[in-house]
């Protein structure tokens, strides 16, 4: 199976990428890339989906943080709080110390 990064970029992003090989004599001296944003990209929400994926990872890390368990044991955090992704992310970013 041949890997074609230009084809992958063109199919899966909102860019069209091409390139020119610039030769000096018989050998390639440099490569010039041409990147153009597609006018009608099929997935306008790709950035939002990326942010959601990062938030899910950060949420999982925050729930696994030892400080979350300390708050639960001290009866300061309850199941509905843990189910609230925004609340847990805010706690992890604003309250928990960086370890």
Protein backbone atom coordinates (compact mmCIF):
# COMPACT_ATOMS: atom_id res chain seq x y z
CA UNK A 1 0.00 0.00 0.00
CA UNK A 2 1.48 3.29 -1.08
CA UNK A 3 1.21 6.24 1.30
CA UNK A 4 0.23 9.48 -0.44
CA UNK A 5 0.23 12.41 2.01
CA UNK A 6 -0.86 14.99 -0.58
CA UNK A 7 -3.93 12.89 -1.42
CA UNK A 8 -4.71 12.43 2.29
CA UNK A 9 -4.47 16.18 2.94
CA UNK A 10 -6.64 16.99 -0.07
CA UNK A 11 -9.32 14.43 0.90
CA UNK A 12 -9.42 15.07 4.66
CA UNK A 13 -8.84 18.77 5.16
CA UNK A 14 -10.16 22.04 3.85
CA UNK A 15 -7.00 22.58 1.78
CA UNK A 16 -5.95 21.60 -1.72
CA UNK A 17 -2.21 21.00 -1.81
CA UNK A 18 0.01 20.67 -4.85
CA UNK A 19 3.74 20.98 -5.30
CA UNK A 20 6.35 21.63 -7.96
CA UNK A 21 9.80 20.09 -8.05
CA UNK A 22 12.29 22.79 -8.92
CA UNK A 23 15.29 21.39 -10.72
CA UNK A 24 18.78 22.70 -11.23
CA UNK A 25 20.28 20.66 -13.98
CA UNK A 26 19.27 17.03 -13.60
CA UNK A 27 18.66 17.04 -9.84
CA UNK A 28 15.85 18.46 -7.74
CA UNK A 29 17.03 21.59 -5.94
CA UNK A 30 13.85 22.44 -4.00
CA UNK A 31 10.14 21.86 -3.71
CA UNK A 32 7.53 24.61 -3.86
CA UNK A 33 4.18 23.87 -2.20
CA UNK A 34 0.91 25.48 -3.27
CA UNK A 35 -1.83 25.47 -0.62
CA UNK A 36 -5.32 26.74 -1.41
CA UNK A 37 -8.31 26.73 0.91
CA UNK A 38 -11.30 24.91 -0.55
CA UNK A 39 -14.34 27.09 -1.23
CA UNK A 40 -16.93 24.47 -0.25
CA UNK A 41 -15.39 22.22 2.37
CA UNK A 42 -17.69 19.27 3.11
CA UNK A 43 -17.20 19.31 6.90
CA UNK A 44 -17.50 22.81 8.32
CA UNK A 45 -17.45 21.43 11.88
CA UNK A 46 -14.02 19.79 11.78
CA UNK A 47 -12.52 22.38 14.16
CA UNK A 48 -15.40 22.04 16.62
CA UNK A 49 -15.06 18.24 16.51
CA UNK A 50 -11.34 18.59 17.27
CA UNK A 51 -12.08 20.81 20.28
CA UNK A 52 -14.71 18.34 21.51
CA UNK A 53 -12.21 15.47 21.25
CA UNK A 54 -9.61 17.43 23.24
CA UNK A 55 -12.22 18.30 25.86
CA UNK A 56 -13.15 14.64 26.23
CA UNK A 57 -9.52 13.69 26.81
CA UNK A 58 -9.05 16.57 29.28
CA UNK A 59 -12.27 15.54 31.05
CA UNK A 60 -11.05 11.95 31.44
CA UNK A 61 -7.73 13.19 32.82
CA UNK A 62 -9.54 15.55 35.25
CA UNK A 63 -11.85 12.79 36.53
CA UNK A 64 -8.82 10.54 37.10
CA UNK A 65 -6.99 13.32 38.95
CA UNK A 66 -6.41 12.45 42.65
CA UNK A 67 -7.87 15.81 43.65
CA UNK A 68 -11.23 14.78 42.21
CA UNK A 69 -11.30 11.80 44.58
CA UNK A 70 -10.31 14.05 47.50
CA UNK A 71 -13.25 16.35 46.72
CA UNK A 72 -15.61 13.37 46.53
CA UNK A 73 -14.35 11.95 49.85
CA UNK A 74 -14.77 15.37 51.48
CA UNK A 75 -18.39 15.47 50.22
CA UNK A 76 -17.63 18.55 48.15
CA UNK A 77 -18.23 16.87 44.81
CA UNK A 78 -21.17 14.61 43.93
CA UNK A 79 -22.14 12.37 41.00
CA UNK A 80 -24.10 15.10 39.18
CA UNK A 81 -21.03 17.34 39.45
CA UNK A 82 -18.80 14.64 37.97
CA UNK A 83 -21.24 14.15 35.09
CA UNK A 84 -21.00 17.86 34.29
CA UNK A 85 -18.04 18.00 31.90
CA UNK A 86 -17.74 21.80 32.01
CA UNK A 87 -17.62 21.85 35.81
CA UNK A 88 -14.89 19.19 35.97
CA UNK A 89 -12.85 20.93 33.26
CA UNK A 90 -13.16 24.25 35.12
CA UNK A 91 -12.03 22.60 38.37
CA UNK A 92 -9.05 21.00 36.70
CA UNK A 93 -7.98 24.23 35.00
CA UNK A 94 -8.70 26.70 37.80
CA UNK A 95 -8.56 24.86 41.12
CA UNK A 96 -6.36 21.77 40.90
CA UNK A 97 -2.64 22.39 41.33
CA UNK A 98 -0.40 21.49 38.42
CA UNK A 99 1.29 18.20 39.18
